[in-house]
Amino acid sequence: GEGFDLIETLVERIAAAVLAACPATAVEV
């Protein structure tokens, strides 16, 4: 999807989306 300059931004967005979508207590990406 949306492109970012930094993979740090991508990894943060993925972690937030995963936590919002499922009942995990924590996520490592």
PDB file of all heavy atoms in Angstrom:
ATOM      1  N   GLY A   1       0.807  -1.214   0.000  1.00  0.00           N
ATOM      2  CA  GLY A   1       0.000   0.000   0.000  1.00  0.00           C
ATOM      3  C   GLY A   1       0.839   1.262   0.000  1.00  0.00           C
ATOM      4  O   GLY A   1       1.864   1.354  -0.689  1.00  0.00           O
ATOM      5  N   GLU A   2       0.414   2.228   0.795  1.00  0.00           N
ATOM      6  CA  GLU A   2       1.069   3.541   0.864  1.00  0.00           C
ATOM      7  C   GLU A   2       2.574   3.398   1.090  1.00  0.00           C
ATOM      8  O   GLU A   2       3.019   2.651   1.958  1.00  0.00           O
ATOM      9  CB  GLU A   2       0.458   4.346   2.013  1.00  0.00           C
ATOM     10  CG  GLU A   2       1.077   5.708   2.208  1.00  0.00           C
ATOM     11  CD  GLU A   2       0.507   6.461   3.410  1.00  0.00           C
ATOM     12  OE1 GLU A   2      -0.392   5.932   4.092  1.00  0.00           O
ATOM     13  OE2 GLU A   2       0.975   7.592   3.640  1.00  0.00           O
ATOM     14  N   GLY A   3       3.352   4.125   0.287  1.00  0.00           N
ATOM     15  CA  GLY A   3       4.801   4.096   0.426  1.00  0.00           C
ATOM     16  C   GLY A   3       5.283   5.073   1.481  1.00  0.00           C
ATOM     17  O   GLY A   3       4.715   6.150   1.659  1.00  0.00           O
ATOM     18  N   PHE A   4       6.337   4.698   2.188  1.00  0.00           N
ATOM     19  CA  PHE A   4       6.946   5.551   3.204  1.00  0.00           C
ATOM     20  C   PHE A   4       8.431   5.686   2.915  1.00  0.00           C
ATOM     21  O   PHE A   4       9.030   4.807   2.304  1.00  0.00           O
ATOM     22  CB  PHE A   4       6.759   4.943   4.597  1.00  0.00           C
ATOM     23  CG  PHE A   4       5.324   4.716   4.970  1.00  0.00           C
ATOM     24  CD1 PHE A   4       4.800   3.436   5.030  1.00  0.00           C
ATOM     25  CD2 PHE A   4       4.489   5.791   5.249  1.00  0.00           C
ATOM     26  CE1 PHE A   4       3.472   3.218   5.369  1.00  0.00           C
ATOM     27  CE2 PHE A   4       3.160   5.585   5.586  1.00  0.00           C
ATOM     28  CZ  PHE A   4       2.653   4.300   5.644  1.00  0.00           C
ATOM     29  N   ASP A   5       9.023   6.754   3.372  1.00  0.00           N
ATOM     30  CA  ASP A   5      10.467   6.921   3.238  1.00  0.00           C
ATOM     31  C   ASP A   5      11.211   5.884   4.074  1.00  0.00           C
ATOM     32  O   ASP A   5      12.213   5.328   3.639  1.00  0.00           O
ATOM     33  CB  ASP A   5      10.908   8.322   3.682  1.00  0.00           C
ATOM     34  CG  ASP A   5      10.535   9.410   2.688  1.00  0.00           C
ATOM     35  OD1 ASP A   5      10.122   9.089   1.551  1.00  0.00           O
ATOM     36  OD2 ASP A   5      10.658  10.592   3.060  1.00  0.00           O
ATOM     37  N   LEU A   6      10.728   5.628   5.273  1.00  0.00           N
ATOM     38  CA  LEU A   6      11.449   4.774   6.226  1.00  0.00           C
ATOM     39  C   LEU A   6      10.704   3.476   6.511  1.00  0.00           C
ATOM     40  O   LEU A   6       9.473   3.483   6.680  1.00  0.00           O
ATOM     41  CB  LEU A   6      11.634   5.518   7.555  1.00  0.00           C
ATOM     42  CG  LEU A   6      12.334   6.864   7.489  1.00  0.00           C
ATOM     43  CD1 LEU A   6      12.370   7.494   8.874  1.00  0.00           C
ATOM     44  CD2 LEU A   6      13.742   6.702   6.938  1.00  0.00           C
ATOM     45  N   ILE A   7      11.464   2.378   6.628  1.00  0.00           N
ATOM     46  CA  ILE A   7      10.819   1.128   7.030  1.00  0.00           C
ATOM     47  C   ILE A   7      10.417   1.192   8.499  1.00  0.00           C
ATOM     48  O   ILE A   7       9.544   0.455   8.935  1.00  0.00           O
ATOM     49  CB  ILE A   7      11.668  -0.121   6.710  1.00  0.00           C
ATOM     50  CG1 ILE A   7      13.012  -0.116   7.432  1.00  0.00           C
ATOM     51  CG2 ILE A   7      11.840  -0.278   5.210  1.00  0.00           C
ATOM     52  CD1 ILE A   7      13.777  -1.432   7.303  1.00  0.00           C
ATOM     53  N   GLU A   8      10.996   2.111   9.253  1.00  0.00           N
ATOM     54  CA  GLU A   8      10.562   2.317  10.633  1.00  0.00           C
ATOM     55  C   GLU A   8       9.106   2.788  10.689  1.00  0.00           C
ATOM     56  O   GLU A   8       8.360   2.417  11.596  1.00  0.00           O
ATOM     57  CB  GLU A   8      11.479   3.315  11.345  1.00  0.00           C
ATOM     58  CG  GLU A   8      12.866   2.791  11.629  1.00  0.00           C
ATOM     59  CD  GLU A   8      13.830   2.870  10.445  1.00  0.00           C
ATOM     60  OE1 GLU A   8      13.428   3.324   9.341  1.00  0.00           O
ATOM     61  OE2 GLU A   8      14.994   2.481  10.606  1.00  0.00           O
ATOM     62  N   THR A   9       8.713   3.591   9.715  1.00  0.00           N
ATOM     63  CA  THR A   9       7.314   4.026   9.638  1.00  0.00           C
ATOM     64  C   THR A   9       6.425   2.842   9.270  1.00  0.00           C
ATOM     65  O   THR A   9       5.366   2.633   9.869  1.00  0.00           O
ATOM     66  CB  THR A   9       7.154   5.160   8.601  1.00  0.00           C
ATOM     67  OG1 THR A   9       8.041   6.218   8.938  1.00  0.00           O
ATOM     68  CG2 THR A   9       5.719   5.668   8.551  1.00  0.00           C
ATOM     69  N   LEU A  10       6.856   2.057   8.304  1.00  0.00           N
ATOM     70  CA  LEU A  10       6.084   0.888   7.884  1.00  0.00           C
ATOM     71  C   LEU A  10       5.912  -0.099   9.033  1.00  0.00           C
ATOM     72  O   LEU A  10       4.797  -0.583   9.277  1.00  0.00           O
ATOM     73  CB  LEU A  10       6.769   0.205   6.690  1.00  0.00           C
ATOM     74  CG  LEU A  10       6.112  -1.065   6.162  1.00  0.00           C
ATOM     75  CD1 LEU A  10       4.701  -0.795   5.679  1.00  0.00           C
ATOM     76  CD2 LEU A  10       6.973  -1.670   5.055  1.00  0.00           C
ATOM     77  N   VAL A  11       6.967  -0.390   9.755  1.00  0.00           N
ATOM     78  CA  VAL A  11       6.888  -1.365  10.842  1.00  0.00           C
ATOM     79  C   VAL A  11       5.960  -0.868  11.952  1.00  0.00           C
ATOM     80  O   VAL A  11       5.178  -1.639  12.526  1.00  0.00           O
ATOM     81  CB  VAL A  11       8.293  -1.756  11.362  1.00  0.00           C
ATOM     82  CG1 VAL A  11       8.917  -0.677  12.215  1.00  0.00           C
ATOM     83  CG2 VAL A  11       8.259  -3.063  12.127  1.00  0.00           C
ATOM     84  N   GLU A  12       5.990   0.427  12.233  1.00  0.00           N
ATOM     85  CA  GLU A  12       5.101   1.006  13.251  1.00  0.00           C
ATOM     86  C   GLU A  12       3.640   0.919  12.812  1.00  0.00           C
ATOM     87  O   GLU A  12       2.762   0.561  13.603  1.00  0.00           O
ATOM     88  CB  GLU A  12       5.487   2.456  13.509  1.00  0.00           C
ATOM     89  CG  GLU A  12       4.653   3.134  14.565  1.00  0.00           C
ATOM     90  CD  GLU A  12       4.931   2.648  15.978  1.00  0.00           C
ATOM     91  OE1 GLU A  12       6.100   2.395  16.319  1.00  0.00           O
ATOM     92  OE2 GLU A  12       3.960   2.513  16.749  1.00  0.00           O
ATOM     93  N   ARG A  13       3.360   1.229  11.551  1.00  0.00           N
ATOM     94  CA  ARG A  13       1.986   1.176  11.038  1.00  0.00           C
ATOM     95  C   ARG A  13       1.446  -0.257  11.051  1.00  0.00           C
ATOM     96  O   ARG A  13       0.278  -0.485  11.366  1.00  0.00           O
ATOM     97  CB  ARG A  13       1.918   1.746   9.620  1.00  0.00           C
ATOM     98  CG  ARG A  13       2.335   3.189   9.497  1.00  0.00           C
ATOM     99  CD  ARG A  13       1.284   4.166  10.027  1.00  0.00           C
ATOM    100  NE  ARG A  13       1.759   5.531   9.999  1.00  0.00           N
ATOM    101  CZ  ARG A  13       1.553   6.408   9.029  1.00  0.00           C
ATOM    102  NH1 ARG A  13       0.853   6.054   7.971  1.00  0.00           N
ATOM    103  NH2 ARG A  13       2.045   7.622   9.117  1.00  0.00           N
ATOM    104  N   ILE A  14       2.298  -1.202  10.692  1.00  0.00           N
ATOM    105  CA  ILE A  14       1.863  -2.601  10.700  1.00  0.00           C
ATOM    106  C   ILE A  14       1.533  -3.040  12.123  1.00  0.00           C
ATOM    107  O   ILE A  14       0.485  -3.651  12.369  1.00  0.00           O
ATOM    108  CB  ILE A  14       2.926  -3.518  10.067  1.00  0.00           C
ATOM    109  CG1 ILE A  14       3.020  -3.266   8.560  1.00  0.00           C
ATOM    110  CG2 ILE A  14       2.612  -4.991  10.357  1.00  0.00           C
ATOM    111  CD1 ILE A  14       4.184  -3.963   7.881  1.00  0.00           C
ATOM    112  N   ALA A  15       2.393  -2.731  13.074  1.00  0.00           N
ATOM    113  CA  ALA A  15       2.157  -3.132  14.462  1.00  0.00           C
ATOM    114  C   ALA A  15       0.848  -2.544  14.986  1.00  0.00           C
ATOM    115  O   ALA A  15       0.056  -3.250  15.628  1.00  0.00           O
ATOM    116  CB  ALA A  15       3.328  -2.708  15.342  1.00  0.00           C
ATOM    117  N   ALA A  16       0.608  -1.279  14.715  1.00  0.00           N
ATOM    118  CA  ALA A  16      -0.627  -0.631  15.176  1.00  0.00           C
ATOM    119  C   ALA A  16      -1.851  -1.279  14.538  1.00  0.00           C
ATOM    120  O   ALA A  16      -2.863  -1.522  15.216  1.00  0.00           O
ATOM    121  CB  ALA A  16      -0.581   0.861  14.859  1.00  0.00           C
ATOM    122  N   ALA A  17      -1.779  -1.576  13.258  1.00  0.00           N
ATOM    123  CA  ALA A  17      -2.911  -2.187  12.561  1.00  0.00           C
ATOM    124  C   ALA A  17      -3.202  -3.591  13.075  1.00  0.00           C
ATOM    125  O   ALA A  17      -4.363  -3.980  13.244  1.00  0.00           O
ATOM    126  CB  ALA A  17      -2.648  -2.218  11.052  1.00  0.00           C
ATOM    127  N   VAL A  18      -2.155  -4.354  13.330  1.00  0.00           N
ATOM    128  CA  VAL A  18      -2.334  -5.714  13.837  1.00  0.00           C
ATOM    129  C   VAL A  18      -2.977  -5.681  15.222  1.00  0.00           C
ATOM    130  O   VAL A  18      -3.925  -6.423  15.494  1.00  0.00           O
ATOM    131  CB  VAL A  18      -0.996  -6.480  13.848  1.00  0.00           C
ATOM    132  CG1 VAL A  18      -1.108  -7.775  14.633  1.00  0.00           C
ATOM    133  CG2 VAL A  18      -0.536  -6.760  12.423  1.00  0.00           C
ATOM    134  N   LEU A  19      -2.491  -4.822  16.104  1.00  0.00           N
ATOM    135  CA  LEU A  19      -3.080  -4.730  17.444  1.00  0.00           C
ATOM    136  C   LEU A  19      -4.543  -4.275  17.391  1.00  0.00           C
ATOM    137  O   LEU A  19      -5.359  -4.709  18.198  1.00  0.00           O
ATOM    138  CB  LEU A  19      -2.272  -3.798  18.336  1.00  0.00           C
ATOM    139  CG  LEU A  19      -1.004  -4.392  18.929  1.00  0.00           C
ATOM    140  CD1 LEU A  19      -0.258  -3.340  19.737  1.00  0.00           C
ATOM    141  CD2 LEU A  19      -1.296  -5.619  19.783  1.00  0.00           C
ATOM    142  N   ALA A  20      -4.865  -3.418  16.427  1.00  0.00           N
ATOM    143  CA  ALA A  20      -6.247  -2.952  16.286  1.00  0.00           C
ATOM    144  C   ALA A  20      -7.164  -4.046  15.737  1.00  0.00           C
ATOM    145  O   ALA A  20      -8.362  -4.043  15.995  1.00  0.00           O
ATOM    146  CB  ALA A  20      -6.301  -1.723  15.375  1.00  0.00           C
ATOM    147  N   ALA A  21      -6.594  -4.992  14.993  1.00  0.00           N
ATOM    148  CA  ALA A  21      -7.404  -5.996  14.298  1.00  0.00           C
ATOM    149  C   ALA A  21      -7.590  -7.305  15.058  1.00  0.00           C
ATOM    150  O   ALA A  21      -8.434  -8.109  14.676  1.00  0.00           O
ATOM    151  CB  ALA A  21      -6.771  -6.301  12.938  1.00  0.00           C
ATOM    152  N   CYS A  22      -6.813  -7.526  16.108  1.00  0.00           N
ATOM    153  CA  CYS A  22      -6.908  -8.815  16.787  1.00  0.00           C
ATOM    154  C   CYS A  22      -6.710  -8.659  18.288  1.00  0.00           C
ATOM    155  O   CYS A  22      -6.219  -7.632  18.742  1.00  0.00           O
ATOM    156  CB  CYS A  22      -5.904  -9.801  16.199  1.00  0.00           C
ATOM    157  SG  CYS A  22      -4.195  -9.495  16.665  1.00  0.00           S
ATOM    158  N   PRO A  23      -7.056  -9.686  19.049  1.00  0.00           N
ATOM    159  CA  PRO A  23      -6.970  -9.594  20.508  1.00  0.00           C
ATOM    160  C   PRO A  23      -5.600  -9.926  21.099  1.00  0.00           C
ATOM    161  O   PRO A  23      -5.511 -10.276  22.270  1.00  0.00           O
ATOM    162  CB  PRO A  23      -8.029 -10.609  20.966  1.00  0.00           C
ATOM    163  CG  PRO A  23      -8.008 -11.648  19.906  1.00  0.00           C
ATOM    164  CD  PRO A  23      -7.768 -10.887  18.620  1.00  0.00           C
ATOM    165  N   ALA A  24      -4.548  -9.814  20.342  1.00  0.00           N
ATOM    166  CA  ALA A  24      -3.209 -10.075  20.882  1.00  0.00           C
ATOM    167  C   ALA A  24      -2.887  -9.076  21.988  1.00  0.00           C
ATOM    168  O   ALA A  24      -3.302  -7.925  21.937  1.00  0.00           O
ATOM    169  CB  ALA A  24      -2.164  -9.975  19.773  1.00  0.00           C
ATOM    170  N   THR A  25      -2.147  -9.527  22.979  1.00  0.00           N
ATOM    171  CA  THR A  25      -1.729  -8.632  24.063  1.00  0.00           C
ATOM    172  C   THR A  25      -0.482  -7.852  23.677  1.00  0.00           C
ATOM    173  O   THR A  25      -0.216  -6.785  24.227  1.00  0.00           O
ATOM    174  CB  THR A  25      -1.464  -9.410  25.358  1.00  0.00           C
ATOM    175  OG1 THR A  25      -0.475 -10.421  25.093  1.00  0.00           O
ATOM    176  CG2 THR A  25      -2.743 -10.046  25.868  1.00  0.00           C
ATOM    177  N   ALA A  26       0.283  -8.389  22.721  1.00  0.00           N
ATOM    178  CA  ALA A  26       1.475  -7.710  22.232  1.00  0.00           C
ATOM    179  C   ALA A  26       1.786  -8.249  20.841  1.00  0.00           C
ATOM    180  O   ALA A  26       1.347  -9.335  20.461  1.00  0.00           O
ATOM    181  CB  ALA A  26       2.665  -7.934  23.155  1.00  0.00           C
ATOM    182  N   VAL A  27       2.558  -7.456  20.095  1.00  0.00           N
ATOM    183  CA  VAL A  27       2.976  -7.871  18.762  1.00  0.00           C
ATOM    184  C   VAL A  27       4.424  -7.445  18.548  1.00  0.00           C
ATOM    185  O   VAL A  27       4.841  -6.389  19.014  1.00  0.00           O
ATOM    186  CB  VAL A  27       2.059  -7.276  17.663  1.00  0.00           C
ATOM    187  CG1 VAL A  27       2.136  -5.756  17.627  1.00  0.00           C
ATOM    188  CG2 VAL A  27       2.388  -7.850  16.292  1.00  0.00           C
ATOM    189  N   GLU A  28       5.167  -8.303  17.912  1.00  0.00           N
ATOM    190  CA  GLU A  28       6.513  -7.953  17.457  1.00  0.00           C
ATOM    191  C   GLU A  28       6.509  -8.056  15.942  1.00  0.00           C
ATOM    192  O   GLU A  28       6.042  -9.058  15.388  1.00  0.00           O
ATOM    193  CB  GLU A  28       7.562  -8.894  18.038  1.00  0.00           C
ATOM    194  CG  GLU A  28       8.970  -8.524  17.630  1.00  0.00           C
ATOM    195  CD  GLU A  28      10.031  -9.371  18.294  1.00  0.00           C
ATOM    196  OE1 GLU A  28       9.841  -9.761  19.461  1.00  0.00           O
ATOM    197  OE2 GLU A  28      11.052  -9.638  17.639  1.00  0.00           O
ATOM    198  N   VAL A  29       6.991  -7.007  15.290  1.00  0.00           N
ATOM    199  CA  VAL A  29       6.996  -6.963  13.827  1.00  0.00           C
ATOM    200  C   VAL A  29       8.407  -6.652  13.360  1.00  0.00           C
ATOM    201  O   VAL A  29       9.067  -5.759  13.898  1.00  0.00           O
ATOM    202  CB  VAL A  29       6.021  -5.878  13.304  1.00  0.00           C
ATOM    203  CG1 VAL A  29       6.073  -5.796  11.782  1.00  0.00           C
ATOM    204  CG2 VAL A  29       4.598  -6.140  13.774  1.00  0.00           C
TER     205      VAL A  29
END
